[in-house]
Amino acid sequence: LGAVFTESNKPWEVEIVVAEVGDTPEAD
């Protein structure tokens, strides 16, 4: 996304979340 925003005339109109569940809540 950083490369697209910097180098392209049109940025991508997106916002995303990546989540990983851990073995314990502290590891989420």
PDB file of all heavy atoms in Angstrom:
ATOM      1  N   LEU A   1       0.821  -1.204   0.000  1.00  0.00           N
ATOM      2  CA  LEU A   1       0.000   0.000   0.000  1.00  0.00           C
ATOM      3  C   LEU A   1       0.861   1.264   0.000  1.00  0.00           C
ATOM      4  O   LEU A   1       0.510   2.263  -0.633  1.00  0.00           O
ATOM      5  CB  LEU A   1      -0.928   0.002   1.219  1.00  0.00           C
ATOM      6  CG  LEU A   1      -2.093  -0.981   1.140  1.00  0.00           C
ATOM      7  CD1 LEU A   1      -2.833  -1.060   2.471  1.00  0.00           C
ATOM      8  CD2 LEU A   1      -3.061  -0.571   0.025  1.00  0.00           C
ATOM      9  N   GLY A   2       1.983   1.222   0.708  1.00  0.00           N
ATOM     10  CA  GLY A   2       2.891   2.367   0.701  1.00  0.00           C
ATOM     11  C   GLY A   2       3.455   2.644  -0.678  1.00  0.00           C
ATOM     12  O   GLY A   2       3.556   3.806  -1.111  1.00  0.00           O
ATOM     13  N   ALA A   3       3.815   1.584  -1.409  1.00  0.00           N
ATOM     14  CA  ALA A   3       4.352   1.751  -2.756  1.00  0.00           C
ATOM     15  C   ALA A   3       3.288   2.296  -3.706  1.00  0.00           C
ATOM     16  O   ALA A   3       3.568   3.189  -4.517  1.00  0.00           O
ATOM     17  CB  ALA A   3       4.884   0.421  -3.272  1.00  0.00           C
ATOM     18  N   VAL A   4       2.075   1.778  -3.608  1.00  0.00           N
ATOM     19  CA  VAL A   4       0.986   2.272  -4.456  1.00  0.00           C
ATOM     20  C   VAL A   4       0.709   3.742  -4.159  1.00  0.00           C
ATOM     21  O   VAL A   4       0.543   4.564  -5.071  1.00  0.00           O
ATOM     22  CB  VAL A   4      -0.295   1.431  -4.244  1.00  0.00           C
ATOM     23  CG1 VAL A   4      -1.485   2.086  -4.939  1.00  0.00           C
ATOM     24  CG2 VAL A   4      -0.092   0.019  -4.764  1.00  0.00           C
ATOM     25  N   PHE A   5       0.647   4.103  -2.883  1.00  0.00           N
ATOM     26  CA  PHE A   5       0.348   5.483  -2.509  1.00  0.00           C
ATOM     27  C   PHE A   5       1.423   6.444  -3.008  1.00  0.00           C
ATOM     28  O   PHE A   5       1.119   7.545  -3.477  1.00  0.00           O
ATOM     29  CB  PHE A   5       0.229   5.587  -0.982  1.00  0.00           C
ATOM     30  CG  PHE A   5      -0.147   6.952  -0.497  1.00  0.00           C
ATOM     31  CD1 PHE A   5      -1.457   7.395  -0.574  1.00  0.00           C
ATOM     32  CD2 PHE A   5       0.815   7.811   0.031  1.00  0.00           C
ATOM     33  CE1 PHE A   5      -1.816   8.663  -0.136  1.00  0.00           C
ATOM     34  CE2 PHE A   5       0.471   9.074   0.470  1.00  0.00           C
ATOM     35  CZ  PHE A   5      -0.851   9.506   0.391  1.00  0.00           C
ATOM     36  N   THR A   6       2.675   6.031  -2.943  1.00  0.00           N
ATOM     37  CA  THR A   6       3.782   6.914  -3.326  1.00  0.00           C
ATOM     38  C   THR A   6       3.956   7.008  -4.830  1.00  0.00           C
ATOM     39  O   THR A   6       4.184   8.097  -5.383  1.00  0.00           O
ATOM     40  CB  THR A   6       5.097   6.416  -2.689  1.00  0.00           C
ATOM     41  OG1 THR A   6       4.944   6.354  -1.274  1.00  0.00           O
ATOM     42  CG2 THR A   6       6.253   7.349  -3.033  1.00  0.00           C
ATOM     43  N   GLU A   7       3.828   5.879  -5.520  1.00  0.00           N
ATOM     44  CA  GLU A   7       4.211   5.823  -6.923  1.00  0.00           C
ATOM     45  C   GLU A   7       3.045   5.968  -7.899  1.00  0.00           C
ATOM     46  O   GLU A   7       3.250   6.327  -9.054  1.00  0.00           O
ATOM     47  CB  GLU A   7       4.931   4.495  -7.194  1.00  0.00           C
ATOM     48  CG  GLU A   7       6.196   4.329  -6.358  1.00  0.00           C
ATOM     49  CD  GLU A   7       6.758   2.917  -6.420  1.00  0.00           C
ATOM     50  OE1 GLU A   7       6.239   2.117  -7.226  1.00  0.00           O
ATOM     51  OE2 GLU A   7       7.694   2.620  -5.651  1.00  0.00           O
ATOM     52  N   SER A   8       1.837   5.668  -7.465  1.00  0.00           N
ATOM     53  CA  SER A   8       0.690   5.703  -8.369  1.00  0.00           C
ATOM     54  C   SER A   8      -0.019   7.045  -8.299  1.00  0.00           C
ATOM     55  O   SER A   8      -0.019   7.721  -7.268  1.00  0.00           O
ATOM     56  CB  SER A   8      -0.284   4.579  -8.007  1.00  0.00           C
ATOM     57  OG  SER A   8      -1.463   4.677  -8.768  1.00  0.00           O
ATOM     58  N   ASN A   9      -0.646   7.426  -9.414  1.00  0.00           N
ATOM     59  CA  ASN A   9      -1.428   8.659  -9.418  1.00  0.00           C
ATOM     60  C   ASN A   9      -2.676   8.531  -8.551  1.00  0.00           C
ATOM     61  O   ASN A   9      -3.131   9.507  -7.951  1.00  0.00           O
ATOM     62  CB  ASN A   9      -1.846   9.026 -10.843  1.00  0.00           C
ATOM     63  CG  ASN A   9      -0.672   9.492 -11.678  1.00  0.00           C
ATOM     64  OD1 ASN A   9       0.269  10.086 -11.153  1.00  0.00           O
ATOM     65  ND2 ASN A   9      -0.716   9.233 -12.976  1.00  0.00           N
ATOM     66  N   LYS A  10      -3.243   7.315  -8.507  1.00  0.00           N
ATOM     67  CA  LYS A  10      -4.447   7.085  -7.719  1.00  0.00           C
ATOM     68  C   LYS A  10      -4.131   6.127  -6.575  1.00  0.00           C
ATOM     69  O   LYS A  10      -3.747   4.991  -6.799  1.00  0.00           O
ATOM     70  CB  LYS A  10      -5.553   6.486  -8.589  1.00  0.00           C
ATOM     71  CG  LYS A  10      -6.819   6.158  -7.798  1.00  0.00           C
ATOM     72  CD  LYS A  10      -7.681   5.164  -8.534  1.00  0.00           C
ATOM     73  CE  LYS A  10      -8.812   4.635  -7.672  1.00  0.00           C
ATOM     74  NZ  LYS A  10      -8.319   3.958  -6.434  1.00  0.00           N
ATOM     75  N   PRO A  11      -4.318   6.546  -5.324  1.00  0.00           N
ATOM     76  CA  PRO A  11      -4.118   5.625  -4.202  1.00  0.00           C
ATOM     77  C   PRO A  11      -5.261   4.631  -4.124  1.00  0.00           C
ATOM     78  O   PRO A  11      -6.349   4.852  -4.649  1.00  0.00           O
ATOM     79  CB  PRO A  11      -4.121   6.561  -2.989  1.00  0.00           C
ATOM     80  CG  PRO A  11      -5.011   7.683  -3.403  1.00  0.00           C
ATOM     81  CD  PRO A  11      -4.767   7.876  -4.877  1.00  0.00           C
ATOM     82  N   TRP A  12      -5.014   3.515  -3.450  1.00  0.00           N
ATOM     83  CA  TRP A  12      -6.084   2.542  -3.235  1.00  0.00           C
ATOM     84  C   TRP A  12      -6.979   3.015  -2.102  1.00  0.00           C
ATOM     85  O   TRP A  12      -6.485   3.443  -1.046  1.00  0.00           O
ATOM     86  CB  TRP A  12      -5.493   1.168  -2.929  1.00  0.00           C
ATOM     87  CG  TRP A  12      -5.004   0.489  -4.176  1.00  0.00           C
ATOM     88  CD1 TRP A  12      -4.882   1.041  -5.410  1.00  0.00           C
ATOM     89  CD2 TRP A  12      -4.578  -0.868  -4.300  1.00  0.00           C
ATOM     90  NE1 TRP A  12      -4.402   0.115  -6.295  1.00  0.00           N
ATOM     91  CE2 TRP A  12      -4.216  -1.063  -5.648  1.00  0.00           C
ATOM     92  CE3 TRP A  12      -4.476  -1.919  -3.409  1.00  0.00           C
ATOM     93  CZ2 TRP A  12      -3.745  -2.283  -6.123  1.00  0.00           C
ATOM     94  CZ3 TRP A  12      -4.010  -3.146  -3.871  1.00  0.00           C
ATOM     95  CH2 TRP A  12      -3.652  -3.332  -5.212  1.00  0.00           C
ATOM     96  N   GLU A  13      -8.275   2.916  -2.313  1.00  0.00           N
ATOM     97  CA  GLU A  13      -9.259   3.383  -1.335  1.00  0.00           C
ATOM     98  C   GLU A  13      -9.628   2.222  -0.419  1.00  0.00           C
ATOM     99  O   GLU A  13     -10.744   1.701  -0.428  1.00  0.00           O
ATOM    100  CB  GLU A  13     -10.489   3.925  -2.061  1.00  0.00           C
ATOM    101  CG  GLU A  13     -10.172   5.083  -2.998  1.00  0.00           C
ATOM    102  CD  GLU A  13     -11.286   5.310  -4.010  1.00  0.00           C
ATOM    103  OE1 GLU A  13     -12.431   5.568  -3.590  1.00  0.00           O
ATOM    104  OE2 GLU A  13     -10.990   5.211  -5.225  1.00  0.00           O
ATOM    105  N   VAL A  14      -8.676   1.814   0.400  1.00  0.00           N
ATOM    106  CA  VAL A  14      -8.880   0.662   1.280  1.00  0.00           C
ATOM    107  C   VAL A  14      -8.241   0.916   2.638  1.00  0.00           C
ATOM    108  O   VAL A  14      -7.288   1.689   2.771  1.00  0.00           O
ATOM    109  CB  VAL A  14      -8.277  -0.632   0.688  1.00  0.00           C
ATOM    110  CG1 VAL A  14      -8.949  -1.014  -0.614  1.00  0.00           C
ATOM    111  CG2 VAL A  14      -6.778  -0.492   0.494  1.00  0.00           C
ATOM    112  N   GLU A  15      -8.800   0.260   3.624  1.00  0.00           N
ATOM    113  CA  GLU A  15      -8.206   0.186   4.953  1.00  0.00           C
ATOM    114  C   GLU A  15      -8.436  -1.239   5.435  1.00  0.00           C
ATOM    115  O   GLU A  15      -9.538  -1.773   5.274  1.00  0.00           O
ATOM    116  CB  GLU A  15      -8.866   1.184   5.894  1.00  0.00           C
ATOM    117  CG  GLU A  15      -8.159   1.347   7.216  1.00  0.00           C
ATOM    118  CD  GLU A  15      -8.675   2.528   8.004  1.00  0.00           C
ATOM    119  OE1 GLU A  15      -9.323   3.403   7.406  1.00  0.00           O
ATOM    120  OE2 GLU A  15      -8.437   2.561   9.229  1.00  0.00           O
ATOM    121  N   ILE A  16      -7.395  -1.852   5.982  1.00  0.00           N
ATOM    122  CA  ILE A  16      -7.503  -3.265   6.324  1.00  0.00           C
ATOM    123  C   ILE A  16      -7.002  -3.538   7.741  1.00  0.00           C
ATOM    124  O   ILE A  16      -6.258  -2.739   8.329  1.00  0.00           O
ATOM    125  CB  ILE A  16      -6.738  -4.164   5.325  1.00  0.00           C
ATOM    126  CG1 ILE A  16      -5.231  -3.896   5.394  1.00  0.00           C
ATOM    127  CG2 ILE A  16      -7.251  -3.961   3.913  1.00  0.00           C
ATOM    128  CD1 ILE A  16      -4.411  -4.824   4.514  1.00  0.00           C
ATOM    129  N   VAL A  17      -7.434  -4.674   8.267  1.00  0.00           N
ATOM    130  CA  VAL A  17      -6.952  -5.184   9.552  1.00  0.00           C
ATOM    131  C   VAL A  17      -6.469  -6.611   9.339  1.00  0.00           C
ATOM    132  O   VAL A  17      -7.148  -7.415   8.686  1.00  0.00           O
ATOM    133  CB  VAL A  17      -8.053  -5.152  10.623  1.00  0.00           C
ATOM    134  CG1 VAL A  17      -7.676  -6.030  11.822  1.00  0.00           C
ATOM    135  CG2 VAL A  17      -8.303  -3.727  11.097  1.00  0.00           C
ATOM    136  N   VAL A  18      -5.316  -6.916   9.876  1.00  0.00           N
ATOM    137  CA  VAL A  18      -4.800  -8.282   9.941  1.00  0.00           C
ATOM    138  C   VAL A  18      -4.738  -8.660  11.413  1.00  0.00           C
ATOM    139  O   VAL A  18      -4.117  -7.952  12.213  1.00  0.00           O
ATOM    140  CB  VAL A  18      -3.404  -8.401   9.301  1.00  0.00           C
ATOM    141  CG1 VAL A  18      -2.827  -9.794   9.525  1.00  0.00           C
ATOM    142  CG2 VAL A  18      -3.474  -8.093   7.815  1.00  0.00           C
ATOM    143  N   ALA A  19      -5.418  -9.747  11.785  1.00  0.00           N
ATOM    144  CA  ALA A  19      -5.452 -10.169  13.185  1.00  0.00           C
ATOM    145  C   ALA A  19      -4.987 -11.608  13.311  1.00  0.00           C
ATOM    146  O   ALA A  19      -5.309 -12.453  12.467  1.00  0.00           O
ATOM    147  CB  ALA A  19      -6.864 -10.023  13.754  1.00  0.00           C
ATOM    148  N   GLU A  20      -4.246 -11.873  14.368  1.00  0.00           N
ATOM    149  CA  GLU A  20      -3.772 -13.231  14.654  1.00  0.00           C
ATOM    150  C   GLU A  20      -4.147 -13.588  16.090  1.00  0.00           C
ATOM    151  O   GLU A  20      -3.843 -12.829  17.024  1.00  0.00           O
ATOM    152  CB  GLU A  20      -2.258 -13.335  14.484  1.00  0.00           C
ATOM    153  CG  GLU A  20      -1.702 -14.706  14.826  1.00  0.00           C
ATOM    154  CD  GLU A  20      -0.200 -14.806  14.652  1.00  0.00           C
ATOM    155  OE1 GLU A  20       0.422 -13.814  14.228  1.00  0.00           O
ATOM    156  OE2 GLU A  20       0.356 -15.885  14.943  1.00  0.00           O
ATOM    157  N   VAL A  21      -4.806 -14.716  16.278  1.00  0.00           N
ATOM    158  CA  VAL A  21      -5.169 -15.154  17.621  1.00  0.00           C
ATOM    159  C   VAL A  21      -4.033 -15.987  18.196  1.00  0.00           C
ATOM    160  O   VAL A  21      -3.461 -16.843  17.518  1.00  0.00           O
ATOM    161  CB  VAL A  21      -6.494 -15.949  17.608  1.00  0.00           C
ATOM    162  CG1 VAL A  21      -6.343 -17.272  16.877  1.00  0.00           C
ATOM    163  CG2 VAL A  21      -7.014 -16.181  19.020  1.00  0.00           C
ATOM    164  N   GLY A  22      -3.673 -15.693  19.445  1.00  0.00           N
ATOM    165  CA  GLY A  22      -2.590 -16.418  20.096  1.00  0.00           C
ATOM    166  C   GLY A  22      -3.099 -17.526  20.999  1.00  0.00           C
ATOM    167  O   GLY A  22      -4.311 -17.718  21.171  1.00  0.00           O
ATOM    168  N   ASP A  23      -2.181 -18.235  21.610  1.00  0.00           N
ATOM    169  CA  ASP A  23      -2.558 -19.290  22.549  1.00  0.00           C
ATOM    170  C   ASP A  23      -3.117 -18.704  23.845  1.00  0.00           C
ATOM    171  O   ASP A  23      -3.862 -19.365  24.571  1.00  0.00           O
ATOM    172  CB  ASP A  23      -1.352 -20.178  22.859  1.00  0.00           C
ATOM    173  CG  ASP A  23      -0.894 -20.961  21.644  1.00  0.00           C
ATOM    174  OD1 ASP A  23      -1.747 -21.294  20.795  1.00  0.00           O
ATOM    175  OD2 ASP A  23       0.316 -21.231  21.530  1.00  0.00           O
ATOM    176  N   THR A  24      -2.753 -17.466  24.128  1.00  0.00           N
ATOM    177  CA  THR A  24      -3.275 -16.738  25.284  1.00  0.00           C
ATOM    178  C   THR A  24      -3.738 -15.364  24.807  1.00  0.00           C
ATOM    179  O   THR A  24      -3.286 -14.877  23.765  1.00  0.00           O
ATOM    180  CB  THR A  24      -2.197 -16.560  26.365  1.00  0.00           C
ATOM    181  OG1 THR A  24      -1.135 -15.747  25.837  1.00  0.00           O
ATOM    182  CG2 THR A  24      -1.636 -17.902  26.815  1.00  0.00           C
ATOM    183  N   PRO A  25      -4.619 -14.691  25.557  1.00  0.00           N
ATOM    184  CA  PRO A  25      -5.069 -13.359  25.158  1.00  0.00           C
ATOM    185  C   PRO A  25      -3.908 -12.368  24.981  1.00  0.00           C
ATOM    186  O   PRO A  25      -3.969 -11.496  24.104  1.00  0.00           O
ATOM    187  CB  PRO A  25      -5.991 -12.936  26.306  1.00  0.00           C
ATOM    188  CG  PRO A  25      -6.503 -14.219  26.866  1.00  0.00           C
ATOM    189  CD  PRO A  25      -5.372 -15.191  26.742  1.00  0.00           C
ATOM    190  N   GLU A  26      -2.886 -12.518  25.802  1.00  0.00           N
ATOM    191  CA  GLU A  26      -1.744 -11.605  25.704  1.00  0.00           C
ATOM    192  C   GLU A  26      -0.998 -11.747  24.387  1.00  0.00           C
ATOM    193  O   GLU A  26      -0.290 -10.825  23.966  1.00  0.00           O
ATOM    194  CB  GLU A  26      -0.776 -11.841  26.874  1.00  0.00           C
ATOM    195  CG  GLU A  26      -1.328 -11.488  28.241  1.00  0.00           C
ATOM    196  CD  GLU A  26      -2.353 -12.487  28.752  1.00  0.00           C
ATOM    197  OE1 GLU A  26      -2.363 -13.649  28.254  1.00  0.00           O
ATOM    198  OE2 GLU A  26      -3.144 -12.116  29.632  1.00  0.00           O
ATOM    199  N   ALA A  27      -1.139 -12.884  23.737  1.00  0.00           N
ATOM    200  CA  ALA A  27      -0.427 -13.138  22.473  1.00  0.00           C
ATOM    201  C   ALA A  27      -1.236 -12.719  21.245  1.00  0.00           C
ATOM    202  O   ALA A  27      -0.745 -12.821  20.123  1.00  0.00           O
ATOM    203  CB  ALA A  27      -0.055 -14.618  22.370  1.00  0.00           C
ATOM    204  N   ASP A  28      -2.474 -12.278  21.429  1.00  0.00           N
ATOM    205  CA  ASP A  28      -3.282 -11.824  20.293  1.00  0.00           C
ATOM    206  C   ASP A  28      -2.639 -10.613  19.638  1.00  0.00           C
ATOM    207  O   ASP A  28      -2.041  -9.755  20.309  1.00  0.00           O
ATOM    208  CB  ASP A  28      -4.695 -11.449  20.743  1.00  0.00           C
ATOM    209  CG  ASP A  28      -5.504 -12.649  21.202  1.00  0.00           C
ATOM    210  OD1 ASP A  28      -5.100 -13.790  20.898  1.00  0.00           O
ATOM    211  OD2 ASP A  28      -6.536 -12.439  21.862  1.00  0.00           O
TER     212      ASP A  28
END
